[in-house]
Amino acid sequence: MNVDVAKSINGCYVRLTEERWRHITIGHPEMADYYYEILEVIESPDVIYAGHRDANIAVKNYQESFRKVFVVIYKETNPKDGFIITAYLSKRIDELKKRKILWKPHQ
């Protein structure tokens, strides 16, 4: 089984498995060309919001290229291991902004 890993801002290694990649591309076929961008969102997000059941919602603004933001939902199961749940493109950033911010770079 093929697995790629991205290091989150917390230093956690977050896995993108073949099964999750299939889940993402079946549910969101527009994501099929953005495998490495999904990993990049984990490594260098613009903001991370609180998700359901201790999940993190990493967001990166690619609006100049796509007019949408990349959203990657992942979970850190312990300080060294985590996994991607899903990823998609969204124009609905206002909905995400209602959530608690877990991390944002210093500006």
PDB file of N, CA and C in Angstrom:
ATOM      1  N   MET A   1       0.839  -1.181   0.000  1.00  0.00           N
ATOM      2  CA  MET A   1       0.000   0.000   0.000  1.00  0.00           C
ATOM      3  C   MET A   1       0.888   1.250   0.000  1.00  0.00           C
ATOM      4  N   ASN A   2       0.556   2.180  -0.865  1.00  0.00           N
ATOM      5  CA  ASN A   2       1.308   3.421  -0.990  1.00  0.00           C
ATOM      6  C   ASN A   2       0.812   4.428   0.051  1.00  0.00           C
ATOM      7  N   VAL A   3       1.753   5.039   0.767  1.00  0.00           N
ATOM      8  CA  VAL A   3       1.422   6.040   1.769  1.00  0.00           C
ATOM      9  C   VAL A   3       2.417   7.183   1.650  1.00  0.00           C
ATOM     10  N   ASP A   4       1.893   8.403   1.561  1.00  0.00           N
ATOM     11  CA  ASP A   4       2.752   9.577   1.642  1.00  0.00           C
ATOM     12  C   ASP A   4       2.458  10.264   2.958  1.00  0.00           C
ATOM     13  N   VAL A   5       3.437  11.041   3.415  1.00  0.00           N
ATOM     14  CA  VAL A   5       3.346  11.668   4.735  1.00  0.00           C
ATOM     15  C   VAL A   5       3.698  13.149   4.604  1.00  0.00           C
ATOM     16  N   ALA A   6       2.949  13.961   5.344  1.00  0.00           N
ATOM     17  CA  ALA A   6       3.244  15.390   5.453  1.00  0.00           C
ATOM     18  C   ALA A   6       3.424  15.701   6.934  1.00  0.00           C
ATOM     19  N   LYS A   7       4.317  16.619   7.239  1.00  0.00           N
ATOM     20  CA  LYS A   7       4.556  17.000   8.625  1.00  0.00           C
ATOM     21  C   LYS A   7       3.702  18.225   8.964  1.00  0.00           C
ATOM     22  N   SER A   8       2.826  18.071   9.945  1.00  0.00           N
ATOM     23  CA  SER A   8       1.932  19.160  10.327  1.00  0.00           C
ATOM     24  C   SER A   8       2.697  20.245  11.083  1.00  0.00           C
ATOM     25  N   ILE A   9       2.054  21.376  11.311  1.00  0.00           N
ATOM     26  CA  ILE A   9       2.689  22.467  12.045  1.00  0.00           C
ATOM     27  C   ILE A   9       2.995  22.071  13.487  1.00  0.00           C
ATOM     28  N   ASN A  10       2.360  21.001  13.976  1.00  0.00           N
ATOM     29  CA  ASN A  10       2.637  20.475  15.319  1.00  0.00           C
ATOM     30  C   ASN A  10       3.777  19.464  15.326  1.00  0.00           C
ATOM     31  N   GLY A  11       4.349  19.180  14.151  1.00  0.00           N
ATOM     32  CA  GLY A  11       5.420  18.192  14.062  1.00  0.00           C
ATOM     33  C   GLY A  11       4.918  16.768  13.957  1.00  0.00           C
ATOM     34  N   CYS A  12       3.632  16.597  13.748  1.00  0.00           N
ATOM     35  CA  CYS A  12       3.017  15.279  13.629  1.00  0.00           C
ATOM     36  C   CYS A  12       3.098  14.817  12.172  1.00  0.00           C
ATOM     37  N   TYR A  13       3.421  13.557  11.958  1.00  0.00           N
ATOM     38  CA  TYR A  13       3.463  12.995  10.613  1.00  0.00           C
ATOM     39  C   TYR A  13       2.061  12.518  10.236  1.00  0.00           C
ATOM     40  N   VAL A  14       1.471  13.181   9.248  1.00  0.00           N
ATOM     41  CA  VAL A  14       0.092  12.926   8.840  1.00  0.00           C
ATOM     42  C   VAL A  14       0.108  12.131   7.533  1.00  0.00           C
ATOM     43  N   ARG A  15      -0.518  10.961   7.559  1.00  0.00           N
ATOM     44  CA  ARG A  15      -0.498  10.028   6.434  1.00  0.00           C
ATOM     45  C   ARG A  15      -1.626  10.295   5.436  1.00  0.00           C
ATOM     46  N   LEU A  16      -1.313  10.156   4.164  1.00  0.00           N
ATOM     47  CA  LEU A  16      -2.320  10.113   3.105  1.00  0.00           C
ATOM     48  C   LEU A  16      -2.208   8.733   2.473  1.00  0.00           C
ATOM     49  N   THR A  17      -3.138   7.860   2.828  1.00  0.00           N
ATOM     50  CA  THR A  17      -3.106   6.474   2.349  1.00  0.00           C
ATOM     51  C   THR A  17      -3.812   6.358   0.998  1.00  0.00           C
ATOM     52  N   GLU A  18      -3.580   5.241   0.324  1.00  0.00           N
ATOM     53  CA  GLU A  18      -4.272   4.964  -0.940  1.00  0.00           C
ATOM     54  C   GLU A  18      -5.776   4.957  -0.742  1.00  0.00           C
ATOM     55  N   GLU A  19      -6.228   4.370   0.352  1.00  0.00           N
ATOM     56  CA  GLU A  19      -7.673   4.298   0.620  1.00  0.00           C
ATOM     57  C   GLU A  19      -8.267   5.686   0.765  1.00  0.00           C
ATOM     58  N   ARG A  20      -7.591   6.574   1.495  1.00  0.00           N
ATOM     59  CA  ARG A  20      -8.093   7.944   1.678  1.00  0.00           C
ATOM     60  C   ARG A  20      -8.022   8.716   0.364  1.00  0.00           C
ATOM     61  N   TRP A  21      -6.979   8.495  -0.429  1.00  0.00           N
ATOM     62  CA  TRP A  21      -6.858   9.152  -1.727  1.00  0.00           C
ATOM     63  C   TRP A  21      -8.022   8.751  -2.632  1.00  0.00           C
ATOM     64  N   ARG A  22      -8.356   7.452  -2.651  1.00  0.00           N
ATOM     65  CA  ARG A  22      -9.513   6.991  -3.428  1.00  0.00           C
ATOM     66  C   ARG A  22     -10.788   7.653  -2.923  1.00  0.00           C
ATOM     67  N   HIS A  23     -10.958   7.699  -1.600  1.00  0.00           N
ATOM     68  CA  HIS A  23     -12.133   8.346  -0.998  1.00  0.00           C
ATOM     69  C   HIS A  23     -12.238   9.802  -1.462  1.00  0.00           C
ATOM     70  N   ILE A  24     -11.140  10.527  -1.411  1.00  0.00           N
ATOM     71  CA  ILE A  24     -11.128  11.938  -1.807  1.00  0.00           C
ATOM     72  C   ILE A  24     -11.484  12.096  -3.276  1.00  0.00           C
ATOM     73  N   THR A  25     -10.846  11.320  -4.144  1.00  0.00           N
ATOM     74  CA  THR A  25     -11.053  11.513  -5.581  1.00  0.00           C
ATOM     75  C   THR A  25     -12.397  10.975  -6.071  1.00  0.00           C
ATOM     76  N   ILE A  26     -12.974  10.028  -5.370  1.00  0.00           N
ATOM     77  CA  ILE A  26     -14.322   9.558  -5.736  1.00  0.00           C
ATOM     78  C   ILE A  26     -15.368  10.592  -5.291  1.00  0.00           C
ATOM     79  N   GLY A  27     -15.234  11.084  -4.074  1.00  0.00           N
ATOM     80  CA  GLY A  27     -16.187  12.063  -3.561  1.00  0.00           C
ATOM     81  C   GLY A  27     -15.998  13.456  -4.127  1.00  0.00           C
ATOM     82  N   HIS A  28     -14.771  13.780  -4.497  1.00  0.00           N
ATOM     83  CA  HIS A  28     -14.427  15.108  -5.014  1.00  0.00           C
ATOM     84  C   HIS A  28     -13.499  14.940  -6.217  1.00  0.00           C
ATOM     85  N   PRO A  29     -14.032  14.512  -7.366  1.00  0.00           N
ATOM     86  CA  PRO A  29     -13.184  14.214  -8.521  1.00  0.00           C
ATOM     87  C   PRO A  29     -12.327  15.386  -8.980  1.00  0.00           C
ATOM     88  N   GLU A  30     -12.726  16.602  -8.658  1.00  0.00           N
ATOM     89  CA  GLU A  30     -11.923  17.777  -9.034  1.00  0.00           C
ATOM     90  C   GLU A  30     -10.574  17.796  -8.322  1.00  0.00           C
ATOM     91  N   MET A  31     -10.398  16.976  -7.286  1.00  0.00           N
ATOM     92  CA  MET A  31      -9.152  16.931  -6.521  1.00  0.00           C
ATOM     93  C   MET A  31      -8.110  15.988  -7.138  1.00  0.00           C
ATOM     94  N   ALA A  32      -8.463  15.259  -8.175  1.00  0.00           N
ATOM     95  CA  ALA A  32      -7.586  14.214  -8.732  1.00  0.00           C
ATOM     96  C   ALA A  32      -6.203  14.711  -9.133  1.00  0.00           C
ATOM     97  N   ASP A  33      -6.086  15.972  -9.525  1.00  0.00           N
ATOM     98  CA  ASP A  33      -4.789  16.502  -9.952  1.00  0.00           C
ATOM     99  C   ASP A  33      -4.018  17.202  -8.831  1.00  0.00           C
ATOM    100  N   TYR A  34      -4.532  17.143  -7.609  1.00  0.00           N
ATOM    101  CA  TYR A  34      -3.959  17.957  -6.527  1.00  0.00           C
ATOM    102  C   TYR A  34      -3.432  17.149  -5.345  1.00  0.00           C
ATOM    103  N   TYR A  35      -2.895  15.987  -5.625  1.00  0.00           N
ATOM    104  CA  TYR A  35      -2.350  15.116  -4.580  1.00  0.00           C
ATOM    105  C   TYR A  35      -1.311  15.853  -3.725  1.00  0.00           C
ATOM    106  N   TYR A  36      -0.332  16.463  -4.365  1.00  0.00           N
ATOM    107  CA  TYR A  36       0.760  17.100  -3.619  1.00  0.00           C
ATOM    108  C   TYR A  36       0.318  18.395  -2.946  1.00  0.00           C
ATOM    109  N   GLU A  37      -0.679  19.056  -3.522  1.00  0.00           N
ATOM    110  CA  GLU A  37      -1.220  20.249  -2.866  1.00  0.00           C
ATOM    111  C   GLU A  37      -1.892  19.885  -1.542  1.00  0.00           C
ATOM    112  N   ILE A  38      -2.523  18.729  -1.480  1.00  0.00           N
ATOM    113  CA  ILE A  38      -3.144  18.272  -0.231  1.00  0.00           C
ATOM    114  C   ILE A  38      -2.077  18.141   0.853  1.00  0.00           C
ATOM    115  N   LEU A  39      -0.955  17.542   0.506  1.00  0.00           N
ATOM    116  CA  LEU A  39       0.142  17.404   1.466  1.00  0.00           C
ATOM    117  C   LEU A  39       0.700  18.773   1.857  1.00  0.00           C
ATOM    118  N   GLU A  40       0.781  19.681   0.888  1.00  0.00           N
ATOM    119  CA  GLU A  40       1.289  21.027   1.159  1.00  0.00           C
ATOM    120  C   GLU A  40       0.388  21.795   2.123  1.00  0.00           C
ATOM    121  N   VAL A  41      -0.923  21.590   2.014  1.00  0.00           N
ATOM    122  CA  VAL A  41      -1.853  22.264   2.928  1.00  0.00           C
ATOM    123  C   VAL A  41      -1.585  21.832   4.373  1.00  0.00           C
ATOM    124  N   ILE A  42      -1.265  20.565   4.585  1.00  0.00           N
ATOM    125  CA  ILE A  42      -0.928  20.075   5.929  1.00  0.00           C
ATOM    126  C   ILE A  42       0.356  20.740   6.415  1.00  0.00           C
ATOM    127  N   GLU A  43       1.348  20.837   5.543  1.00  0.00           N
ATOM    128  CA  GLU A  43       2.660  21.356   5.941  1.00  0.00           C
ATOM    129  C   GLU A  43       2.697  22.874   6.095  1.00  0.00           C
ATOM    130  N   SER A  44       1.933  23.585   5.310  1.00  0.00           N
ATOM    131  CA  SER A  44       1.983  25.050   5.400  1.00  0.00           C
ATOM    132  C   SER A  44       0.604  25.676   5.184  1.00  0.00           C
ATOM    133  N   PRO A  45      -0.298  25.442   6.127  1.00  0.00           N
ATOM    134  CA  PRO A  45      -1.645  26.011   6.001  1.00  0.00           C
ATOM    135  C   PRO A  45      -1.638  27.514   6.274  1.00  0.00           C
ATOM    136  N   ASP A  46      -2.685  28.175   5.823  1.00  0.00           N
ATOM    137  CA  ASP A  46      -2.891  29.578   6.182  1.00  0.00           C
ATOM    138  C   ASP A  46      -3.554  29.694   7.545  1.00  0.00           C
ATOM    139  N   VAL A  47      -4.367  28.704   7.871  1.00  0.00           N
ATOM    140  CA  VAL A  47      -5.075  28.677   9.145  1.00  0.00           C
ATOM    141  C   VAL A  47      -5.539  27.241   9.400  1.00  0.00           C
ATOM    142  N   ILE A  48      -5.689  26.895  10.680  1.00  0.00           N
ATOM    143  CA  ILE A  48      -6.250  25.596  11.057  1.00  0.00           C
ATOM    144  C   ILE A  48      -7.418  25.866  11.999  1.00  0.00           C
ATOM    145  N   TYR A  49      -8.567  25.289  11.658  1.00  0.00           N
ATOM    146  CA  TYR A  49      -9.774  25.425  12.466  1.00  0.00           C
ATOM    147  C   TYR A  49     -10.067  24.111  13.181  1.00  0.00           C
ATOM    148  N   ALA A  50     -10.839  24.200  14.248  1.00  0.00           N
ATOM    149  CA  ALA A  50     -11.285  23.006  14.967  1.00  0.00           C
ATOM    150  C   ALA A  50     -12.393  22.328  14.168  1.00  0.00           C
ATOM    151  N   GLY A  51     -12.271  21.016  14.029  1.00  0.00           N
ATOM    152  CA  GLY A  51     -13.293  20.231  13.347  1.00  0.00           C
ATOM    153  C   GLY A  51     -14.061  19.389  14.347  1.00  0.00           C
ATOM    154  N   HIS A  52     -14.866  18.490  13.845  1.00  0.00           N
ATOM    155  CA  HIS A  52     -15.628  17.586  14.699  1.00  0.00           C
ATOM    156  C   HIS A  52     -14.732  16.461  15.222  1.00  0.00           C
ATOM    157  N   ARG A  53     -15.014  15.999  16.422  1.00  0.00           N
ATOM    158  CA  ARG A  53     -14.322  14.845  17.015  1.00  0.00           C
ATOM    159  C   ARG A  53     -12.807  14.987  16.978  1.00  0.00           C
ATOM    160  N   ASP A  54     -12.311  16.143  17.397  1.00  0.00           N
ATOM    161  CA  ASP A  54     -10.877  16.422  17.494  1.00  0.00           C
ATOM    162  C   ASP A  54     -10.145  16.459  16.158  1.00  0.00           C
ATOM    163  N   ALA A  55     -10.868  16.587  15.077  1.00  0.00           N
ATOM    164  CA  ALA A  55     -10.216  16.724  13.773  1.00  0.00           C
ATOM    165  C   ALA A  55      -9.745  18.165  13.590  1.00  0.00           C
ATOM    166  N   ASN A  56      -8.764  18.333  12.738  1.00  0.00           N
ATOM    167  CA  ASN A  56      -8.261  19.648  12.365  1.00  0.00           C
ATOM    168  C   ASN A  56      -8.696  19.941  10.935  1.00  0.00           C
ATOM    169  N   ILE A  57      -8.994  21.203  10.668  1.00  0.00           N
ATOM    170  CA  ILE A  57      -9.370  21.627   9.325  1.00  0.00           C
ATOM    171  C   ILE A  57      -8.316  22.617   8.851  1.00  0.00           C
ATOM    172  N   ALA A  58      -7.408  22.150   8.013  1.00  0.00           N
ATOM    173  CA  ALA A  58      -6.348  23.005   7.475  1.00  0.00           C
ATOM    174  C   ALA A  58      -6.845  23.651   6.192  1.00  0.00           C
ATOM    175  N   VAL A  59      -6.587  24.951   6.083  1.00  0.00           N
ATOM    176  CA  VAL A  59      -7.068  25.707   4.933  1.00  0.00           C
ATOM    177  C   VAL A  59      -5.899  26.468   4.318  1.00  0.00           C
ATOM    178  N   LYS A  60      -5.830  26.435   3.010  1.00  0.00           N
ATOM    179  CA  LYS A  60      -4.813  27.207   2.283  1.00  0.00           C
ATOM    180  C   LYS A  60      -5.508  27.922   1.135  1.00  0.00           C
ATOM    181  N   ASN A  61      -5.226  29.198   1.015  1.00  0.00           N
ATOM    182  CA  ASN A  61      -5.858  30.030   0.016  1.00  0.00           C
ATOM    183  C   ASN A  61      -5.075  29.966  -1.292  1.00  0.00           C
ATOM    184  N   TYR A  62      -5.693  29.358  -2.293  1.00  0.00           N
ATOM    185  CA  TYR A  62      -5.127  29.319  -3.635  1.00  0.00           C
ATOM    186  C   TYR A  62      -6.036  30.099  -4.582  1.00  0.00           C
ATOM    187  N   GLN A  63      -6.743  31.088  -4.056  1.00  0.00           N
ATOM    188  CA  GLN A  63      -7.762  31.767  -4.847  1.00  0.00           C
ATOM    189  C   GLN A  63      -7.210  32.434  -6.093  1.00  0.00           C
ATOM    190  N   GLU A  64      -5.951  32.843  -6.077  1.00  0.00           N
ATOM    191  CA  GLU A  64      -5.376  33.449  -7.282  1.00  0.00           C
ATOM    192  C   GLU A  64      -5.365  32.449  -8.430  1.00  0.00           C
ATOM    193  N   SER A  65      -5.141  31.176  -8.116  1.00  0.00           N
ATOM    194  CA  SER A  65      -5.087  30.144  -9.148  1.00  0.00           C
ATOM    195  C   SER A  65      -6.435  29.460  -9.374  1.00  0.00           C
ATOM    196  N   PHE A  66      -7.186  29.248  -8.291  1.00  0.00           N
ATOM    197  CA  PHE A  66      -8.384  28.408  -8.379  1.00  0.00           C
ATOM    198  C   PHE A  66      -9.690  29.114  -8.018  1.00  0.00           C
ATOM    199  N   ARG A  67      -9.604  30.317  -7.445  1.00  0.00           N
ATOM    200  CA  ARG A  67     -10.778  31.044  -6.944  1.00  0.00           C
ATOM    201  C   ARG A  67     -11.503  30.265  -5.845  1.00  0.00           C
ATOM    202  N   LYS A  68     -10.771  29.398  -5.199  1.00  0.00           N
ATOM    203  CA  LYS A  68     -11.300  28.601  -4.097  1.00  0.00           C
ATOM    204  C   LYS A  68     -10.187  28.378  -3.096  1.00  0.00           C
ATOM    205  N   VAL A  69     -10.548  27.866  -1.939  1.00  0.00           N
ATOM    206  CA  VAL A  69      -9.544  27.482  -0.954  1.00  0.00           C
ATOM    207  C   VAL A  69      -9.486  25.960  -0.887  1.00  0.00           C
ATOM    208  N   PHE A  70      -8.301  25.449  -0.569  1.00  0.00           N
ATOM    209  CA  PHE A  70      -8.138  24.022  -0.318  1.00  0.00           C
ATOM    210  C   PHE A  70      -8.458  23.782   1.151  1.00  0.00           C
ATOM    211  N   VAL A  71      -9.248  22.762   1.408  1.00  0.00           N
ATOM    212  CA  VAL A  71      -9.604  22.372   2.763  1.00  0.00           C
ATOM    213  C   VAL A  71      -9.173  20.925   2.946  1.00  0.00           C
ATOM    214  N   VAL A  72      -8.367  20.665   3.976  1.00  0.00           N
ATOM    215  CA  VAL A  72      -7.924  19.304   4.279  1.00  0.00           C
ATOM    216  C   VAL A  72      -8.284  19.016   5.731  1.00  0.00           C
ATOM    217  N   ILE A  73      -9.075  17.981   5.921  1.00  0.00           N
ATOM    218  CA  ILE A  73      -9.479  17.575   7.268  1.00  0.00           C
ATOM    219  C   ILE A  73      -8.625  16.382   7.663  1.00  0.00           C
ATOM    220  N   TYR A  74      -7.983  16.506   8.822  1.00  0.00           N
ATOM    221  CA  TYR A  74      -7.100  15.440   9.280  1.00  0.00           C
ATOM    222  C   TYR A  74      -7.166  15.323  10.797  1.00  0.00           C
ATOM    223  N   LYS A  75      -6.644  14.225  11.289  1.00  0.00           N
ATOM    224  CA  LYS A  75      -6.639  13.968  12.721  1.00  0.00           C
ATOM    225  C   LYS A  75      -5.235  13.575  13.145  1.00  0.00           C
ATOM    226  N   GLU A  76      -4.800  14.136  14.258  1.00  0.00           N
ATOM    227  CA  GLU A  76      -3.535  13.737  14.873  1.00  0.00           C
ATOM    228  C   GLU A  76      -3.889  12.796  16.019  1.00  0.00           C
ATOM    229  N   THR A  77      -3.582  11.510  15.844  1.00  0.00           N
ATOM    230  CA  THR A  77      -3.970  10.512  16.843  1.00  0.00           C
ATOM    231  C   THR A  77      -3.045  10.513  18.054  1.00  0.00           C
ATOM    232  N   ASN A  78      -1.813  10.957  17.851  1.00  0.00           N
ATOM    233  CA  ASN A  78      -0.863  11.160  18.944  1.00  0.00           C
ATOM    234  C   ASN A  78       0.163  12.171  18.433  1.00  0.00           C
ATOM    235  N   PRO A  79       1.123  12.599  19.256  1.00  0.00           N
ATOM    236  CA  PRO A  79       2.051  13.645  18.807  1.00  0.00           C
ATOM    237  C   PRO A  79       2.889  13.302  17.576  1.00  0.00           C
ATOM    238  N   LYS A  80       2.979  12.030  17.219  1.00  0.00           N
ATOM    239  CA  LYS A  80       3.831  11.640  16.092  1.00  0.00           C
ATOM    240  C   LYS A  80       3.089  11.040  14.907  1.00  0.00           C
ATOM    241  N   ASP A  81       1.783  10.766  15.040  1.00  0.00           N
ATOM    242  CA  ASP A  81       1.067  10.064  13.978  1.00  0.00           C
ATOM    243  C   ASP A  81      -0.324  10.656  13.781  1.00  0.00           C
ATOM    244  N   GLY A  82      -0.701  10.763  12.508  1.00  0.00           N
ATOM    245  CA  GLY A  82      -2.031  11.234  12.165  1.00  0.00           C
ATOM    246  C   GLY A  82      -2.398  10.772  10.767  1.00  0.00           C
ATOM    247  N   PHE A  83      -3.608  11.118  10.335  1.00  0.00           N
ATOM    248  CA  PHE A  83      -4.064  10.705   9.019  1.00  0.00           C
ATOM    249  C   PHE A  83      -5.033  11.720   8.440  1.00  0.00           C
ATOM    250  N   ILE A  84      -5.048  11.797   7.123  1.00  0.00           N
ATOM    251  CA  ILE A  84      -5.975  12.667   6.413  1.00  0.00           C
ATOM    252  C   ILE A  84      -7.311  11.958   6.303  1.00  0.00           C
ATOM    253  N   ILE A  85      -8.377  12.686   6.595  1.00  0.00           N
ATOM    254  CA  ILE A  85      -9.731  12.154   6.491  1.00  0.00           C
ATOM    255  C   ILE A  85     -10.306  12.446   5.114  1.00  0.00           C
ATOM    256  N   THR A  86     -10.244  13.700   4.691  1.00  0.00           N
ATOM    257  CA  THR A  86     -10.745  14.088   3.379  1.00  0.00           C
ATOM    258  C   THR A  86     -10.154  15.430   2.982  1.00  0.00           C
ATOM    259  N   ALA A  87     -10.393  15.812   1.737  1.00  0.00           N
ATOM    260  CA  ALA A  87      -9.921  17.099   1.223  1.00  0.00           C
ATOM    261  C   ALA A  87     -10.845  17.528   0.096  1.00  0.00           C
ATOM    262  N   TYR A  88     -11.006  18.844  -0.034  1.00  0.00           N
ATOM    263  CA  TYR A  88     -11.869  19.373  -1.085  1.00  0.00           C
ATOM    264  C   TYR A  88     -11.562  20.849  -1.327  1.00  0.00           C
ATOM    265  N   LEU A  89     -12.066  21.362  -2.431  1.00  0.00           N
ATOM    266  CA  LEU A  89     -11.990  22.781  -2.746  1.00  0.00           C
ATOM    267  C   LEU A  89     -13.299  23.422  -2.320  1.00  0.00           C
ATOM    268  N   SER A  90     -13.220  24.646  -1.802  1.00  0.00           N
ATOM    269  CA  SER A  90     -14.437  25.306  -1.325  1.00  0.00           C
ATOM    270  C   SER A  90     -14.395  26.801  -1.576  1.00  0.00           C
ATOM    271  N   LYS A  91     -15.555  27.360  -1.852  1.00  0.00           N
ATOM    272  CA  LYS A  91     -15.726  28.817  -1.896  1.00  0.00           C
ATOM    273  C   LYS A  91     -16.343  29.313  -0.591  1.00  0.00           C
ATOM    274  N   ARG A  92     -16.750  28.386   0.279  1.00  0.00           N
ATOM    275  CA  ARG A  92     -17.499  28.723   1.484  1.00  0.00           C
ATOM    276  C   ARG A  92     -16.593  28.977   2.689  1.00  0.00           C
ATOM    277  N   ILE A  93     -15.648  29.863   2.528  1.00  0.00           N
ATOM    278  CA  ILE A  93     -14.718  30.177   3.608  1.00  0.00           C
ATOM    279  C   ILE A  93     -15.430  30.825   4.790  1.00  0.00           C
ATOM    280  N   ASP A  94     -16.530  31.541   4.537  1.00  0.00           N
ATOM    281  CA  ASP A  94     -17.266  32.180   5.637  1.00  0.00           C
ATOM    282  C   ASP A  94     -17.796  31.155   6.633  1.00  0.00           C
ATOM    283  N   GLU A  95     -18.187  29.982   6.157  1.00  0.00           N
ATOM    284  CA  GLU A  95     -18.650  28.918   7.052  1.00  0.00           C
ATOM    285  C   GLU A  95     -17.511  28.432   7.949  1.00  0.00           C
ATOM    286  N   LEU A  96     -16.329  28.301   7.387  1.00  0.00           N
ATOM    287  CA  LEU A  96     -15.177  27.854   8.168  1.00  0.00           C
ATOM    288  C   LEU A  96     -14.778  28.894   9.203  1.00  0.00           C
ATOM    289  N   LYS A  97     -14.892  30.171   8.855  1.00  0.00           N
ATOM    290  CA  LYS A  97     -14.479  31.246   9.761  1.00  0.00           C
ATOM    291  C   LYS A  97     -15.318  31.314  11.027  1.00  0.00           C
ATOM    292  N   LYS A  98     -16.436  30.612  11.070  1.00  0.00           N
ATOM    293  CA  LYS A  98     -17.271  30.558  12.276  1.00  0.00           C
ATOM    294  C   LYS A  98     -16.691  29.594  13.315  1.00  0.00           C
ATOM    295  N   ARG A  99     -15.750  28.784  12.896  1.00  0.00           N
ATOM    296  CA  ARG A  99     -15.149  27.779  13.789  1.00  0.00           C
ATOM    297  C   ARG A  99     -14.022  28.383  14.617  1.00  0.00           C
ATOM    298  N   LYS A 100     -13.677  27.688  15.673  1.00  0.00           N
ATOM    299  CA  LYS A 100     -12.570  28.105  16.531  1.00  0.00           C
ATOM    300  C   LYS A 100     -11.251  27.950  15.770  1.00  0.00           C
ATOM    301  N   ILE A 101     -10.412  28.967  15.841  1.00  0.00           N
ATOM    302  CA  ILE A 101      -9.090  28.907  15.212  1.00  0.00           C
ATOM    303  C   ILE A 101      -8.137  28.185  16.168  1.00  0.00           C
ATOM    304  N   LEU A 102      -7.514  27.112  15.675  1.00  0.00           N
ATOM    305  CA  LEU A 102      -6.531  26.375  16.469  1.00  0.00           C
ATOM    306  C   LEU A 102      -5.111  26.899  16.249  1.00  0.00           C
ATOM    307  N   TRP A 103      -4.870  27.385  15.034  1.00  0.00           N
ATOM    308  CA  TRP A 103      -3.538  27.874  14.693  1.00  0.00           C
ATOM    309  C   TRP A 103      -3.633  28.871  13.544  1.00  0.00           C
ATOM    310  N   LYS A 104      -2.831  29.910  13.633  1.00  0.00           N
ATOM    311  CA  LYS A 104      -2.707  30.877  12.559  1.00  0.00           C
ATOM    312  C   LYS A 104      -1.304  31.456  12.677  1.00  0.00           C
ATOM    313  N   PRO A 105      -0.612  31.683  11.557  1.00  0.00           N
ATOM    314  CA  PRO A 105       0.749  32.225  11.663  1.00  0.00           C
ATOM    315  C   PRO A 105       0.732  33.632  12.256  1.00  0.00           C
ATOM    316  N   HIS A 106       1.817  34.002  12.883  1.00  0.00           N
ATOM    317  CA  HIS A 106       1.939  35.349  13.423  1.00  0.00           C
ATOM    318  C   HIS A 106       2.037  36.338  12.296  1.00  0.00           C
ATOM    319  N   GLN A 107       1.301  37.420  12.424  1.00  0.00           N
ATOM    320  CA  GLN A 107       1.330  38.425  11.348  1.00  0.00           C
ATOM    321  C   GLN A 107       1.652  39.777  11.903  1.00  0.00           C
TER     322      GLN A 107
END
